[in-house]
Protein backbone atom coordinates (compact mmCIF):
# COMPACT_ATOMS: atom_id res chain seq x y z
CA MET A 1 77.23 157.60 59.91
CA ALA A 2 74.33 159.97 59.65
CA MET A 3 76.14 162.98 61.01
CA VAL A 4 75.96 164.96 57.76
CA PRO A 5 72.15 164.80 57.57
CA LEU A 6 71.89 165.59 61.28
CA PHE A 7 74.07 168.68 61.05
CA ASP A 8 72.47 169.80 57.77
CA TRP A 9 69.07 169.55 59.47
CA ALA A 10 70.36 171.47 62.49
CA GLU A 11 71.78 174.25 60.32
CA THR A 12 68.45 174.60 58.54
CA PHE A 13 66.84 175.45 61.87
CA GLY A 14 69.71 177.51 63.27
CA LEU A 15 70.74 174.87 65.81
CA ALA A 16 74.17 173.86 64.54
CA THR A 17 77.39 174.42 66.41
CA GLN A 18 80.16 176.82 65.41
CA ASP A 19 82.70 174.02 64.97
CA ARG A 20 80.95 171.30 62.99
CA ALA A 21 84.04 169.08 62.60
CA LYS A 22 84.67 169.04 66.33
CA ALA A 23 81.02 168.32 67.12
CA VAL A 24 80.88 165.49 64.56
CA LYS A 25 83.96 163.99 66.20
CA TYR A 26 82.27 163.95 69.62
CA TYR A 27 78.97 162.62 68.26
CA ARG A 28 80.78 159.79 66.48
CA GLN A 29 82.75 159.03 69.63
CA ALA A 30 79.59 158.97 71.76
CA MET A 31 77.72 156.77 69.27
CA SER A 32 80.62 154.51 68.24
CA GLU A 33 79.22 151.24 69.64
CA ILE A 34 75.81 151.70 68.00
CA PRO A 35 75.57 150.14 64.53
CA ALA A 36 75.41 152.66 61.68
CA ASP A 37 71.96 151.56 60.52
CA LEU A 38 70.58 152.25 64.01
CA VAL A 39 72.30 155.65 64.12
CA ASN A 40 70.71 156.47 60.76
CA ALA A 41 67.30 155.38 62.09
CA ALA A 42 67.81 157.44 65.25
CA VAL A 43 68.72 160.56 63.28
CA LYS A 44 65.65 160.14 61.09
CA ARG A 45 63.37 159.56 64.09
CA VAL A 46 64.78 162.47 66.09
CA THR A 47 64.82 164.99 63.26
CA THR A 48 61.24 164.22 62.22
CA GLY A 49 59.85 164.60 65.73
CA TRP A 50 62.16 167.09 67.43
CA LYS A 51 60.23 169.23 69.93
CA TRP A 52 63.00 171.20 71.61
CA GLY A 53 63.69 173.88 69.04
CA ASN A 54 66.23 175.75 71.13
CA ARG A 55 68.98 173.11 70.95
CA MET A 56 70.41 170.46 68.71
CA PRO A 57 69.70 166.81 69.61
CA LEU A 58 72.45 165.41 71.80
CA PRO A 59 73.96 161.94 71.41
CA SER A 60 71.80 160.80 74.32
CA ASP A 61 68.70 161.93 72.41
CA LEU A 62 69.81 159.79 69.48
CA ARG A 63 70.44 156.80 71.75
CA ASP A 64 67.01 157.23 73.33
CA ALA A 65 65.43 157.00 69.88
CA VAL A 66 66.52 153.36 69.33
CA PRO A 67 66.93 151.69 72.73
CA ASP A 68 64.91 148.56 71.97
CA ALA A 69 66.54 147.91 68.61
CA TYR A 70 70.00 148.39 70.12
CA ALA A 71 69.21 146.13 73.10
CA ASP A 72 67.84 143.47 70.75
CA ARG A 73 70.98 143.66 68.64
CA LYS A 74 73.24 143.33 71.70
CA LEU A 75 71.24 140.35 72.97
CA ALA A 76 71.43 138.63 69.59
CA LEU A 77 75.21 139.08 69.55
CA MET A 78 75.52 137.70 73.08
CA ASN A 79 73.46 134.65 72.10
CA LEU A 80 75.59 134.13 69.02
CA ASP A 81 78.79 134.35 71.07
CA ARG A 82 77.41 131.79 73.52
CA ALA A 83 76.45 129.43 70.72
CA ILE A 84 79.92 129.72 69.19
CA GLU A 85 81.57 129.01 72.55
CA LYS A 86 79.33 125.98 73.12
CA ARG A 87 80.18 124.65 69.69
CA LYS A 88 83.91 125.05 70.41
CA GLU A 89 83.52 123.01 73.59
CA ARG A 90 82.29 119.99 71.64
C-alpha cells in the first residue's frame, strides 16, 4: 500500500507520528478493505491538495478521497457475485 509515500510526505512537512510502524499498522487496518490501487490514488489526491497543515491525513480523509471509485468497485463485485450465483442455478 501507499503508506511509505504518505508517511514520507508527512515527515517532509513535520506531520508524522513518533511511532511510524504503529501508525502504519493502524492505517493499513483501517484501509484493509479498499483495493491498493484506490489507496494509492487516495494518497496521491490527499497529499497534493492537503489544506490542514497542522495534522496528518487520517484514514477517513483517505477514504473520503475515493468514495465514488470504491462504491463503483463494490457494486461491480456485487453484480458479478449475483451473475455467478444465477449461472450456478441453471
